[in-house]
Amino acid sequence: MRESIIADKSYALAVRVVRLNRHLAEKKKEFVLSKQLLRAGTSIGANVREGQEGQSKADFVNKFSIALKECGETLYWLDLLHDTGFLTDRQYRSICDDCIEVKKLLVSIVKTSRSRLPH
């Protein structure tokens, strides 16, 4: 049973990030940048899950805002890995597109949720 589109897509992105981390470590012998990517890329889905189980609307918005920040950081590490030659154009574009899709969903959710918070 599907929980939500954002939960599904952020989890799928995390799986891709884990696999990319393994590839970079085994095939490219790159360990530093890929660890940063691993931390940020898996944190997105973890914060989404925490937010869905939040104790209040403010808690929900806070966790989803953190997920959005982690998504931005994930894009940074992907850019850096690409620009330093560790990711091919094809690898980069594929995972980057998924990350941008998750980011757009998070932006929409955070904006809508913030507008519904009491002032």
PDB file of N, CA and C in Angstrom:
ATOM      1  N   MET A   1       0.837  -1.176   0.000  1.00  0.00           N
ATOM      2  CA  MET A   1       0.000   0.000   0.000  1.00  0.00           C
ATOM      3  C   MET A   1       0.891   1.251   0.000  1.00  0.00           C
ATOM      4  N   ARG A   2       0.561   2.208  -0.832  1.00  0.00           N
ATOM      5  CA  ARG A   2       1.348   3.436  -0.928  1.00  0.00           C
ATOM      6  C   ARG A   2       0.988   4.382   0.211  1.00  0.00           C
ATOM      7  N   GLU A   3       2.024   4.934   0.829  1.00  0.00           N
ATOM      8  CA  GLU A   3       1.784   5.913   1.880  1.00  0.00           C
ATOM      9  C   GLU A   3       1.492   7.273   1.268  1.00  0.00           C
ATOM     10  N   SER A   4       2.398   7.735   0.440  1.00  0.00           N
ATOM     11  CA  SER A   4       2.234   9.006  -0.241  1.00  0.00           C
ATOM     12  C   SER A   4       3.256   9.103  -1.358  1.00  0.00           C
ATOM     13  N   ILE A   5       2.987   9.963  -2.291  1.00  0.00           N
ATOM     14  CA  ILE A   5       3.913  10.137  -3.412  1.00  0.00           C
ATOM     15  C   ILE A   5       5.275  10.608  -2.910  1.00  0.00           C
ATOM     16  N   ILE A   6       5.306  11.577  -2.003  1.00  0.00           N
ATOM     17  CA  ILE A   6       6.588  12.099  -1.522  1.00  0.00           C
ATOM     18  C   ILE A   6       7.349  11.028  -0.740  1.00  0.00           C
ATOM     19  N   ALA A   7       6.647  10.225   0.036  1.00  0.00           N
ATOM     20  CA  ALA A   7       7.328   9.154   0.783  1.00  0.00           C
ATOM     21  C   ALA A   7       7.913   8.135  -0.193  1.00  0.00           C
ATOM     22  N   ASP A   8       7.144   7.761  -1.206  1.00  0.00           N
ATOM     23  CA  ASP A   8       7.622   6.794  -2.194  1.00  0.00           C
ATOM     24  C   ASP A   8       8.819   7.328  -2.971  1.00  0.00           C
ATOM     25  N   LYS A   9       8.714   8.553  -3.452  1.00  0.00           N
ATOM     26  CA  LYS A   9       9.777   9.125  -4.286  1.00  0.00           C
ATOM     27  C   LYS A   9      11.043   9.425  -3.487  1.00  0.00           C
ATOM     28  N   SER A  10      10.898   9.881  -2.252  1.00  0.00           N
ATOM     29  CA  SER A  10      12.089  10.156  -1.435  1.00  0.00           C
ATOM     30  C   SER A  10      12.773   8.849  -1.035  1.00  0.00           C
ATOM     31  N   TYR A  11      11.998   7.798  -0.817  1.00  0.00           N
ATOM     32  CA  TYR A  11      12.579   6.483  -0.508  1.00  0.00           C
ATOM     33  C   TYR A  11      13.307   5.929  -1.733  1.00  0.00           C
ATOM     34  N   ALA A  12      12.681   6.034  -2.894  1.00  0.00           N
ATOM     35  CA  ALA A  12      13.311   5.559  -4.131  1.00  0.00           C
ATOM     36  C   ALA A  12      14.606   6.321  -4.401  1.00  0.00           C
ATOM     37  N   LEU A  13      14.615   7.618  -4.122  1.00  0.00           N
ATOM     38  CA  LEU A  13      15.829   8.414  -4.284  1.00  0.00           C
ATOM     39  C   LEU A  13      16.909   7.923  -3.320  1.00  0.00           C
ATOM     40  N   ALA A  14      16.533   7.633  -2.090  1.00  0.00           N
ATOM     41  CA  ALA A  14      17.494   7.122  -1.106  1.00  0.00           C
ATOM     42  C   ALA A  14      18.114   5.804  -1.570  1.00  0.00           C
ATOM     43  N   VAL A  15      17.306   4.933  -2.128  1.00  0.00           N
ATOM     44  CA  VAL A  15      17.818   3.663  -2.647  1.00  0.00           C
ATOM     45  C   VAL A  15      18.836   3.930  -3.757  1.00  0.00           C
ATOM     46  N   ARG A  16      18.532   4.857  -4.651  1.00  0.00           N
ATOM     47  CA  ARG A  16      19.470   5.193  -5.728  1.00  0.00           C
ATOM     48  C   ARG A  16      20.768   5.770  -5.176  1.00  0.00           C
ATOM     49  N   VAL A  17      20.651   6.606  -4.152  1.00  0.00           N
ATOM     50  CA  VAL A  17      21.837   7.219  -3.541  1.00  0.00           C
ATOM     51  C   VAL A  17      22.708   6.143  -2.889  1.00  0.00           C
ATOM     52  N   VAL A  18      22.098   5.189  -2.210  1.00  0.00           N
ATOM     53  CA  VAL A  18      22.858   4.095  -1.584  1.00  0.00           C
ATOM     54  C   VAL A  18      23.597   3.299  -2.660  1.00  0.00           C
ATOM     55  N   ARG A  19      22.906   2.993  -3.732  1.00  0.00           N
ATOM     56  CA  ARG A  19      23.536   2.225  -4.819  1.00  0.00           C
ATOM     57  C   ARG A  19      24.648   3.027  -5.489  1.00  0.00           C
ATOM     58  N   LEU A  20      24.426   4.326  -5.663  1.00  0.00           N
ATOM     59  CA  LEU A  20      25.461   5.179  -6.254  1.00  0.00           C
ATOM     60  C   LEU A  20      26.677   5.253  -5.333  1.00  0.00           C
ATOM     61  N   ASN A  21      26.446   5.355  -4.040  1.00  0.00           N
ATOM     62  CA  ASN A  21      27.537   5.373  -3.072  1.00  0.00           C
ATOM     63  C   ASN A  21      28.368   4.103  -3.177  1.00  0.00           C
ATOM     64  N   ARG A  22      27.703   2.972  -3.279  1.00  0.00           N
ATOM     65  CA  ARG A  22      28.398   1.692  -3.414  1.00  0.00           C
ATOM     66  C   ARG A  22      29.219   1.667  -4.708  1.00  0.00           C
ATOM     67  N   HIS A  23      28.629   2.128  -5.801  1.00  0.00           N
ATOM     68  CA  HIS A  23      29.323   2.177  -7.092  1.00  0.00           C
ATOM     69  C   HIS A  23      30.561   3.073  -7.007  1.00  0.00           C
ATOM     70  N   LEU A  24      30.399   4.254  -6.416  1.00  0.00           N
ATOM     71  CA  LEU A  24      31.526   5.184  -6.325  1.00  0.00           C
ATOM     72  C   LEU A  24      32.654   4.613  -5.466  1.00  0.00           C
ATOM     73  N   ALA A  25      32.306   3.925  -4.402  1.00  0.00           N
ATOM     74  CA  ALA A  25      33.326   3.341  -3.528  1.00  0.00           C
ATOM     75  C   ALA A  25      34.030   2.163  -4.211  1.00  0.00           C
ATOM     76  N   GLU A  26      33.254   1.302  -4.830  1.00  0.00           N
ATOM     77  CA  GLU A  26      33.838   0.087  -5.415  1.00  0.00           C
ATOM     78  C   GLU A  26      34.545   0.341  -6.735  1.00  0.00           C
ATOM     79  N   LYS A  27      33.950   1.119  -7.611  1.00  0.00           N
ATOM     80  CA  LYS A  27      34.489   1.291  -8.964  1.00  0.00           C
ATOM     81  C   LYS A  27      35.397   2.508  -9.113  1.00  0.00           C
ATOM     82  N   LYS A  28      35.078   3.581  -8.422  1.00  0.00           N
ATOM     83  CA  LYS A  28      35.839   4.825  -8.583  1.00  0.00           C
ATOM     84  C   LYS A  28      36.783   5.106  -7.410  1.00  0.00           C
ATOM     85  N   LYS A  29      36.667   4.303  -6.364  1.00  0.00           N
ATOM     86  CA  LYS A  29      37.484   4.474  -5.152  1.00  0.00           C
ATOM     87  C   LYS A  29      37.331   5.886  -4.567  1.00  0.00           C
ATOM     88  N   GLU A  30      36.113   6.391  -4.649  1.00  0.00           N
ATOM     89  CA  GLU A  30      35.800   7.715  -4.108  1.00  0.00           C
ATOM     90  C   GLU A  30      34.997   7.496  -2.831  1.00  0.00           C
ATOM     91  N   PHE A  31      35.491   8.051  -1.719  1.00  0.00           N
ATOM     92  CA  PHE A  31      34.868   7.780  -0.429  1.00  0.00           C
ATOM     93  C   PHE A  31      34.383   9.024   0.305  1.00  0.00           C
ATOM     94  N   VAL A  32      34.989  10.161   0.076  1.00  0.00           N
ATOM     95  CA  VAL A  32      34.678  11.358   0.865  1.00  0.00           C
ATOM     96  C   VAL A  32      33.392  12.030   0.393  1.00  0.00           C
ATOM     97  N   LEU A  33      33.341  12.416  -0.866  1.00  0.00           N
ATOM     98  CA  LEU A  33      32.165  13.107  -1.392  1.00  0.00           C
ATOM     99  C   LEU A  33      30.940  12.199  -1.380  1.00  0.00           C
ATOM    100  N   SER A  34      31.155  10.936  -1.709  1.00  0.00           N
ATOM    101  CA  SER A  34      30.032   9.998  -1.768  1.00  0.00           C
ATOM    102  C   SER A  34      29.424   9.765  -0.385  1.00  0.00           C
ATOM    103  N   LYS A  35      30.232   9.845   0.660  1.00  0.00           N
ATOM    104  CA  LYS A  35      29.693   9.721   2.032  1.00  0.00           C
ATOM    105  C   LYS A  35      28.787  10.897   2.357  1.00  0.00           C
ATOM    106  N   GLN A  36      29.196  12.090   1.924  1.00  0.00           N
ATOM    107  CA  GLN A  36      28.371  13.277   2.132  1.00  0.00           C
ATOM    108  C   GLN A  36      27.047  13.138   1.386  1.00  0.00           C
ATOM    109  N   LEU A  37      27.147  12.656   0.137  1.00  0.00           N
ATOM    110  CA  LEU A  37      25.944  12.422  -0.664  1.00  0.00           C
ATOM    111  C   LEU A  37      25.045  11.392   0.017  1.00  0.00           C
ATOM    112  N   LEU A  38      25.637  10.330   0.519  1.00  0.00           N
ATOM    113  CA  LEU A  38      24.879   9.278   1.196  1.00  0.00           C
ATOM    114  C   LEU A  38      24.115   9.831   2.393  1.00  0.00           C
ATOM    115  N   ARG A  39      24.791  10.626   3.203  1.00  0.00           N
ATOM    116  CA  ARG A  39      24.156  11.190   4.390  1.00  0.00           C
ATOM    117  C   ARG A  39      22.986  12.100   4.015  1.00  0.00           C
ATOM    118  N   ALA A  40      23.227  13.024   3.077  1.00  0.00           N
ATOM    119  CA  ALA A  40      22.185  13.982   2.704  1.00  0.00           C
ATOM    120  C   ALA A  40      21.043  13.294   1.944  1.00  0.00           C
ATOM    121  N   GLY A  41      21.393  12.431   1.007  1.00  0.00           N
ATOM    122  CA  GLY A  41      20.383  11.810   0.158  1.00  0.00           C
ATOM    123  C   GLY A  41      19.463  10.846   0.876  1.00  0.00           C
ATOM    124  N   THR A  42      19.958  10.190   1.902  1.00  0.00           N
ATOM    125  CA  THR A  42      19.103   9.283   2.672  1.00  0.00           C
ATOM    126  C   THR A  42      18.335  10.031   3.765  1.00  0.00           C
ATOM    127  N   SER A  43      18.828  11.186   4.137  1.00  0.00           N
ATOM    128  CA  SER A  43      18.167  11.993   5.164  1.00  0.00           C
ATOM    129  C   SER A  43      16.837  12.572   4.674  1.00  0.00           C
ATOM    130  N   ILE A  44      16.714  12.782   3.384  1.00  0.00           N
ATOM    131  CA  ILE A  44      15.470  13.350   2.835  1.00  0.00           C
ATOM    132  C   ILE A  44      14.282  12.475   3.220  1.00  0.00           C
ATOM    133  N   GLY A  45      14.346  11.212   2.850  1.00  0.00           N
ATOM    134  CA  GLY A  45      13.251  10.286   3.142  1.00  0.00           C
ATOM    135  C   GLY A  45      13.033  10.063   4.625  1.00  0.00           C
ATOM    136  N   ALA A  46      14.122  10.049   5.381  1.00  0.00           N
ATOM    137  CA  ALA A  46      13.997   9.868   6.833  1.00  0.00           C
ATOM    138  C   ALA A  46      13.222  11.027   7.452  1.00  0.00           C
ATOM    139  N   ASN A  47      13.504  12.248   7.008  1.00  0.00           N
ATOM    140  CA  ASN A  47      12.778  13.406   7.535  1.00  0.00           C
ATOM    141  C   ASN A  47      11.331  13.442   7.056  1.00  0.00           C
ATOM    142  N   VAL A  48      11.084  12.987   5.839  1.00  0.00           N
ATOM    143  CA  VAL A  48       9.705  12.876   5.352  1.00  0.00           C
ATOM    144  C   VAL A  48       8.928  11.917   6.244  1.00  0.00           C
ATOM    145  N   ARG A  49       9.515  10.772   6.515  1.00  0.00           N
ATOM    146  CA  ARG A  49       8.839   9.780   7.360  1.00  0.00           C
ATOM    147  C   ARG A  49       8.584  10.345   8.759  1.00  0.00           C
ATOM    148  N   GLU A  50       9.592  11.013   9.327  1.00  0.00           N
ATOM    149  CA  GLU A  50       9.405  11.627  10.649  1.00  0.00           C
ATOM    150  C   GLU A  50       8.301  12.669  10.611  1.00  0.00           C
ATOM    151  N   GLY A  51       8.289  13.474   9.558  1.00  0.00           N
ATOM    152  CA  GLY A  51       7.273  14.511   9.436  1.00  0.00           C
ATOM    153  C   GLY A  51       5.874  13.953   9.332  1.00  0.00           C
ATOM    154  N   GLN A  52       5.733  12.848   8.623  1.00  0.00           N
ATOM    155  CA  GLN A  52       4.418  12.225   8.487  1.00  0.00           C
ATOM    156  C   GLN A  52       3.908  11.711   9.823  1.00  0.00           C
ATOM    157  N   GLU A  53       4.816  11.429  10.722  1.00  0.00           N
ATOM    158  CA  GLU A  53       4.437  10.948  12.043  1.00  0.00           C
ATOM    159  C   GLU A  53       4.599  12.037  13.102  1.00  0.00           C
ATOM    160  N   GLY A  54       4.653  13.282  12.645  1.00  0.00           N
ATOM    161  CA  GLY A  54       4.863  14.421  13.544  1.00  0.00           C
ATOM    162  C   GLY A  54       3.765  14.572  14.574  1.00  0.00           C
ATOM    163  N   GLN A  55       4.129  15.235  15.644  1.00  0.00           N
ATOM    164  CA  GLN A  55       3.200  15.410  16.752  1.00  0.00           C
ATOM    165  C   GLN A  55       2.283  16.605  16.556  1.00  0.00           C
ATOM    166  N   SER A  56       2.634  17.491  15.619  1.00  0.00           N
ATOM    167  CA  SER A  56       1.823  18.674  15.377  1.00  0.00           C
ATOM    168  C   SER A  56       2.057  19.144  13.950  1.00  0.00           C
ATOM    169  N   LYS A  57       1.250  20.107  13.507  1.00  0.00           N
ATOM    170  CA  LYS A  57       1.448  20.680  12.173  1.00  0.00           C
ATOM    171  C   LYS A  57       2.798  21.373  12.085  1.00  0.00           C
ATOM    172  N   ALA A  58       3.195  22.052  13.165  1.00  0.00           N
ATOM    173  CA  ALA A  58       4.495  22.729  13.178  1.00  0.00           C
ATOM    174  C   ALA A  58       5.635  21.719  13.067  1.00  0.00           C
ATOM    175  N   ASP A  59       5.507  20.589  13.733  1.00  0.00           N
ATOM    176  CA  ASP A  59       6.513  19.531  13.658  1.00  0.00           C
ATOM    177  C   ASP A  59       6.593  18.984  12.231  1.00  0.00           C
ATOM    178  N   PHE A  60       5.435  18.785  11.615  1.00  0.00           N
ATOM    179  CA  PHE A  60       5.370  18.330  10.232  1.00  0.00           C
ATOM    180  C   PHE A  60       6.128  19.287   9.312  1.00  0.00           C
ATOM    181  N   VAL A  61       5.818  20.578   9.432  1.00  0.00           N
ATOM    182  CA  VAL A  61       6.466  21.593   8.586  1.00  0.00           C
ATOM    183  C   VAL A  61       7.965  21.624   8.846  1.00  0.00           C
ATOM    184  N   ASN A  62       8.366  21.521  10.090  1.00  0.00           N
ATOM    185  CA  ASN A  62       9.787  21.535  10.444  1.00  0.00           C
ATOM    186  C   ASN A  62      10.527  20.368   9.787  1.00  0.00           C
ATOM    187  N   LYS A  63      10.004  19.172   9.897  1.00  0.00           N
ATOM    188  CA  LYS A  63      10.677  17.987   9.323  1.00  0.00           C
ATOM    189  C   LYS A  63      10.712  18.056   7.803  1.00  0.00           C
ATOM    190  N   PHE A  64       9.637  18.517   7.187  1.00  0.00           N
ATOM    191  CA  PHE A  64       9.626  18.625   5.734  1.00  0.00           C
ATOM    192  C   PHE A  64      10.553  19.748   5.260  1.00  0.00           C
ATOM    193  N   SER A  65      10.705  20.793   6.061  1.00  0.00           N
ATOM    194  CA  SER A  65      11.663  21.856   5.738  1.00  0.00           C
ATOM    195  C   SER A  65      13.093  21.335   5.808  1.00  0.00           C
ATOM    196  N   ILE A  66      13.372  20.497   6.781  1.00  0.00           N
ATOM    197  CA  ILE A  66      14.698  19.877   6.882  1.00  0.00           C
ATOM    198  C   ILE A  66      14.927  18.966   5.676  1.00  0.00           C
ATOM    199  N   ALA A  67      13.914  18.204   5.282  1.00  0.00           N
ATOM    200  CA  ALA A  67      14.021  17.344   4.106  1.00  0.00           C
ATOM    201  C   ALA A  67      14.339  18.179   2.864  1.00  0.00           C
ATOM    202  N   LEU A  68      13.716  19.336   2.750  1.00  0.00           N
ATOM    203  CA  LEU A  68      13.969  20.236   1.625  1.00  0.00           C
ATOM    204  C   LEU A  68      15.413  20.731   1.629  1.00  0.00           C
ATOM    205  N   LYS A  69      15.927  21.100   2.791  1.00  0.00           N
ATOM    206  CA  LYS A  69      17.332  21.525   2.897  1.00  0.00           C
ATOM    207  C   LYS A  69      18.284  20.391   2.517  1.00  0.00           C
ATOM    208  N   GLU A  70      17.989  19.176   2.969  1.00  0.00           N
ATOM    209  CA  GLU A  70      18.821  18.025   2.638  1.00  0.00           C
ATOM    210  C   GLU A  70      18.774  17.734   1.139  1.00  0.00           C
ATOM    211  N   CYS A  71      17.645  17.996   0.523  1.00  0.00           N
ATOM    212  CA  CYS A  71      17.518  17.807  -0.921  1.00  0.00           C
ATOM    213  C   CYS A  71      18.432  18.791  -1.654  1.00  0.00           C
ATOM    214  N   GLY A  72      18.462  20.033  -1.191  1.00  0.00           N
ATOM    215  CA  GLY A  72      19.376  21.013  -1.771  1.00  0.00           C
ATOM    216  C   GLY A  72      20.826  20.600  -1.600  1.00  0.00           C
ATOM    217  N   GLU A  73      21.155  20.066  -0.443  1.00  0.00           N
ATOM    218  CA  GLU A  73      22.523  19.602  -0.207  1.00  0.00           C
ATOM    219  C   GLU A  73      22.857  18.407  -1.098  1.00  0.00           C
ATOM    220  N   THR A  74      21.901  17.518  -1.281  1.00  0.00           N
ATOM    221  CA  THR A  74      22.106  16.364  -2.159  1.00  0.00           C
ATOM    222  C   THR A  74      22.437  16.829  -3.574  1.00  0.00           C
ATOM    223  N   LEU A  75      21.712  17.828  -4.051  1.00  0.00           N
ATOM    224  CA  LEU A  75      21.984  18.374  -5.384  1.00  0.00           C
ATOM    225  C   LEU A  75      23.393  18.961  -5.452  1.00  0.00           C
ATOM    226  N   TYR A  76      23.829  19.604  -4.382  1.00  0.00           N
ATOM    227  CA  TYR A  76      25.185  20.156  -4.332  1.00  0.00           C
ATOM    228  C   TYR A  76      26.224  19.046  -4.523  1.00  0.00           C
ATOM    229  N   TRP A  77      26.085  17.949  -3.762  1.00  0.00           N
ATOM    230  CA  TRP A  77      27.062  16.857  -3.853  1.00  0.00           C
ATOM    231  C   TRP A  77      27.006  16.183  -5.220  1.00  0.00           C
ATOM    232  N   LEU A  78      25.823  16.068  -5.795  1.00  0.00           N
ATOM    233  CA  LEU A  78      25.713  15.516  -7.149  1.00  0.00           C
ATOM    234  C   LEU A  78      26.425  16.410  -8.162  1.00  0.00           C
ATOM    235  N   ASP A  79      26.222  17.730  -8.036  1.00  0.00           N
ATOM    236  CA  ASP A  79      26.923  18.677  -8.924  1.00  0.00           C
ATOM    237  C   ASP A  79      28.431  18.513  -8.800  1.00  0.00           C
ATOM    238  N   LEU A  80      28.909  18.434  -7.571  1.00  0.00           N
ATOM    239  CA  LEU A  80      30.345  18.334  -7.325  1.00  0.00           C
ATOM    240  C   LEU A  80      30.913  17.014  -7.866  1.00  0.00           C
ATOM    241  N   LEU A  81      30.209  15.925  -7.636  1.00  0.00           N
ATOM    242  CA  LEU A  81      30.662  14.629  -8.161  1.00  0.00           C
ATOM    243  C   LEU A  81      30.685  14.632  -9.690  1.00  0.00           C
ATOM    244  N   HIS A  82      29.729  15.282 -10.297  1.00  0.00           N
ATOM    245  CA  HIS A  82      29.684  15.375 -11.761  1.00  0.00           C
ATOM    246  C   HIS A  82      30.819  16.247 -12.278  1.00  0.00           C
ATOM    247  N   ASP A  83      30.958  17.425 -11.684  1.00  0.00           N
ATOM    248  CA  ASP A  83      31.953  18.384 -12.178  1.00  0.00           C
ATOM    249  C   ASP A  83      33.396  17.955 -11.925  1.00  0.00           C
ATOM    250  N   THR A  84      33.580  16.986 -11.041  1.00  0.00           N
ATOM    251  CA  THR A  84      34.928  16.458 -10.793  1.00  0.00           C
ATOM    252  C   THR A  84      35.164  15.126 -11.513  1.00  0.00           C
ATOM    253  N   GLY A  85      34.212  14.734 -12.354  1.00  0.00           N
ATOM    254  CA  GLY A  85      34.404  13.568 -13.203  1.00  0.00           C
ATOM    255  C   GLY A  85      34.051  12.226 -12.600  1.00  0.00           C
ATOM    256  N   PHE A  86      33.459  12.200 -11.425  1.00  0.00           N
ATOM    257  CA  PHE A  86      33.081  10.926 -10.818  1.00  0.00           C
ATOM    258  C   PHE A  86      31.750  10.398 -11.349  1.00  0.00           C
ATOM    259  N   LEU A  87      30.910  11.295 -11.887  1.00  0.00           N
ATOM    260  CA  LEU A  87      29.635  10.893 -12.482  1.00  0.00           C
ATOM    261  C   LEU A  87      29.630  11.280 -13.950  1.00  0.00           C
ATOM    262  N   THR A  88      29.168  10.371 -14.788  1.00  0.00           N
ATOM    263  CA  THR A  88      29.002  10.701 -16.198  1.00  0.00           C
ATOM    264  C   THR A  88      27.798  11.632 -16.346  1.00  0.00           C
ATOM    265  N   ASP A  89      27.693  12.254 -17.497  1.00  0.00           N
ATOM    266  CA  ASP A  89      26.533  13.122 -17.757  1.00  0.00           C
ATOM    267  C   ASP A  89      25.231  12.341 -17.589  1.00  0.00           C
ATOM    268  N   ARG A  90      25.212  11.123 -18.096  1.00  0.00           N
ATOM    269  CA  ARG A  90      23.998  10.294 -18.029  1.00  0.00           C
ATOM    270  C   ARG A  90      23.638   9.941 -16.585  1.00  0.00           C
ATOM    271  N   GLN A  91      24.626   9.505 -15.809  1.00  0.00           N
ATOM    272  CA  GLN A  91      24.380   9.169 -14.399  1.00  0.00           C
ATOM    273  C   GLN A  91      23.875  10.396 -13.648  1.00  0.00           C
ATOM    274  N   TYR A  92      24.552  11.496 -13.870  1.00  0.00           N
ATOM    275  CA  TYR A  92      24.217  12.745 -13.180  1.00  0.00           C
ATOM    276  C   TYR A  92      22.797  13.184 -13.508  1.00  0.00           C
ATOM    277  N   ARG A  93      22.487  13.241 -14.784  1.00  0.00           N
ATOM    278  CA  ARG A  93      21.172  13.741 -15.206  1.00  0.00           C
ATOM    279  C   ARG A  93      20.061  12.866 -14.651  1.00  0.00           C
ATOM    280  N   SER A  94      20.239  11.564 -14.679  1.00  0.00           N
ATOM    281  CA  SER A  94      19.211  10.637 -14.228  1.00  0.00           C
ATOM    282  C   SER A  94      18.880  10.836 -12.743  1.00  0.00           C
ATOM    283  N   ILE A  95      19.886  10.808 -11.893  1.00  0.00           N
ATOM    284  CA  ILE A  95      19.625  10.934 -10.454  1.00  0.00           C
ATOM    285  C   ILE A  95      19.280  12.374 -10.083  1.00  0.00           C
ATOM    286  N   CYS A  96      19.855  13.323 -10.794  1.00  0.00           N
ATOM    287  CA  CYS A  96      19.559  14.731 -10.542  1.00  0.00           C
ATOM    288  C   CYS A  96      18.080  15.028 -10.856  1.00  0.00           C
ATOM    289  N   ASP A  97      17.582  14.472 -11.950  1.00  0.00           N
ATOM    290  CA  ASP A  97      16.173  14.665 -12.299  1.00  0.00           C
ATOM    291  C   ASP A  97      15.260  14.139 -11.199  1.00  0.00           C
ATOM    292  N   ASP A  98      15.597  12.983 -10.651  1.00  0.00           N
ATOM    293  CA  ASP A  98      14.800  12.430  -9.552  1.00  0.00           C
ATOM    294  C   ASP A  98      14.851  13.339  -8.326  1.00  0.00           C
ATOM    295  N   CYS A  99      16.026  13.859  -8.028  1.00  0.00           N
ATOM    296  CA  CYS A  99      16.191  14.726  -6.864  1.00  0.00           C
ATOM    297  C   CYS A  99      15.421  16.039  -7.049  1.00  0.00           C
ATOM    298  N   ILE A 100      15.455  16.593  -8.238  1.00  0.00           N
ATOM    299  CA  ILE A 100      14.723  17.831  -8.526  1.00  0.00           C
ATOM    300  C   ILE A 100      13.221  17.602  -8.410  1.00  0.00           C
ATOM    301  N   GLU A 101      12.753  16.443  -8.850  1.00  0.00           N
ATOM    302  CA  GLU A 101      11.335  16.118  -8.721  1.00  0.00           C
ATOM    303  C   GLU A 101      10.927  16.061  -7.247  1.00  0.00           C
ATOM    304  N   VAL A 102      11.741  15.424  -6.423  1.00  0.00           N
ATOM    305  CA  VAL A 102      11.475  15.364  -4.982  1.00  0.00           C
ATOM    306  C   VAL A 102      11.502  16.772  -4.397  1.00  0.00           C
ATOM    307  N   LYS A 103      12.460  17.584  -4.814  1.00  0.00           N
ATOM    308  CA  LYS A 103      12.565  18.950  -4.296  1.00  0.00           C
ATOM    309  C   LYS A 103      11.313  19.764  -4.632  1.00  0.00           C
ATOM    310  N   LYS A 104      10.826  19.644  -5.851  1.00  0.00           N
ATOM    311  CA  LYS A 104       9.608  20.376  -6.242  1.00  0.00           C
ATOM    312  C   LYS A 104       8.419  19.964  -5.387  1.00  0.00           C
ATOM    313  N   LEU A 105       8.283  18.674  -5.136  1.00  0.00           N
ATOM    314  CA  LEU A 105       7.201  18.194  -4.272  1.00  0.00           C
ATOM    315  C   LEU A 105       7.340  18.766  -2.863  1.00  0.00           C
ATOM    316  N   LEU A 106       8.565  18.748  -2.336  1.00  0.00           N
ATOM    317  CA  LEU A 106       8.794  19.265  -0.984  1.00  0.00           C
ATOM    318  C   LEU A 106       8.506  20.758  -0.895  1.00  0.00           C
ATOM    319  N   VAL A 107       8.924  21.522  -1.903  1.00  0.00           N
ATOM    320  CA  VAL A 107       8.643  22.962  -1.919  1.00  0.00           C
ATOM    321  C   VAL A 107       7.140  23.192  -1.846  1.00  0.00           C
ATOM    322  N   SER A 108       6.395  22.472  -2.646  1.00  0.00           N
ATOM    323  CA  SER A 108       4.942  22.615  -2.672  1.00  0.00           C
ATOM    324  C   SER A 108       4.311  22.251  -1.326  1.00  0.00           C
ATOM    325  N   ILE A 109       4.747  21.145  -0.758  1.00  0.00           N
ATOM    326  CA  ILE A 109       4.205  20.689   0.529  1.00  0.00           C
ATOM    327  C   ILE A 109       4.524  21.692   1.631  1.00  0.00           C
ATOM    328  N   VAL A 110       5.763  22.164   1.685  1.00  0.00           N
ATOM    329  CA  VAL A 110       6.164  23.106   2.734  1.00  0.00           C
ATOM    330  C   VAL A 110       5.399  24.422   2.595  1.00  0.00           C
ATOM    331  N   LYS A 111       5.301  24.945   1.389  1.00  0.00           N
ATOM    332  CA  LYS A 111       4.574  26.212   1.179  1.00  0.00           C
ATOM    333  C   LYS A 111       3.116  26.081   1.594  1.00  0.00           C
ATOM    334  N   THR A 112       2.470  25.034   1.139  1.00  0.00           N
ATOM    335  CA  THR A 112       1.059  24.820   1.470  1.00  0.00           C
ATOM    336  C   THR A 112       0.877  24.632   2.971  1.00  0.00           C
ATOM    337  N   SER A 113       1.742  23.840   3.575  1.00  0.00           N
ATOM    338  CA  SER A 113       1.618  23.549   5.012  1.00  0.00           C
ATOM    339  C   SER A 113       1.886  24.789   5.860  1.00  0.00           C
ATOM    340  N   ARG A 114       2.873  25.594   5.463  1.00  0.00           N
ATOM    341  CA  ARG A 114       3.171  26.824   6.213  1.00  0.00           C
ATOM    342  C   ARG A 114       1.988  27.787   6.167  1.00  0.00           C
ATOM    343  N   SER A 115       1.337  27.864   5.020  1.00  0.00           N
ATOM    344  CA  SER A 115       0.202  28.793   4.887  1.00  0.00           C
ATOM    345  C   SER A 115      -0.972  28.377   5.751  1.00  0.00           C
ATOM    346  N   ARG A 116      -0.994  27.132   6.178  1.00  0.00           N
ATOM    347  CA  ARG A 116      -2.095  26.615   7.013  1.00  0.00           C
ATOM    348  C   ARG A 116      -1.785  26.647   8.495  1.00  0.00           C
ATOM    349  N   LEU A 117      -0.575  27.069   8.846  1.00  0.00           N
ATOM    350  CA  LEU A 117      -0.216  27.176  10.262  1.00  0.00           C
ATOM    351  C   LEU A 117      -0.830  28.438  10.856  1.00  0.00           C
ATOM    352  N   PRO A 118      -1.241  28.374  12.103  1.00  0.00           N
ATOM    353  CA  PRO A 118      -1.756  29.593  12.755  1.00  0.00           C
ATOM    354  C   PRO A 118      -0.609  30.592  12.946  1.00  0.00           C
ATOM    355  N   HIS A 119      -0.913  31.833  12.789  1.00  0.00           N
ATOM    356  CA  HIS A 119       0.112  32.886  12.913  1.00  0.00           C
ATOM    357  C   HIS A 119       0.171  33.410  14.281  1.00  0.00           C
TER     358      HIS A 119
END
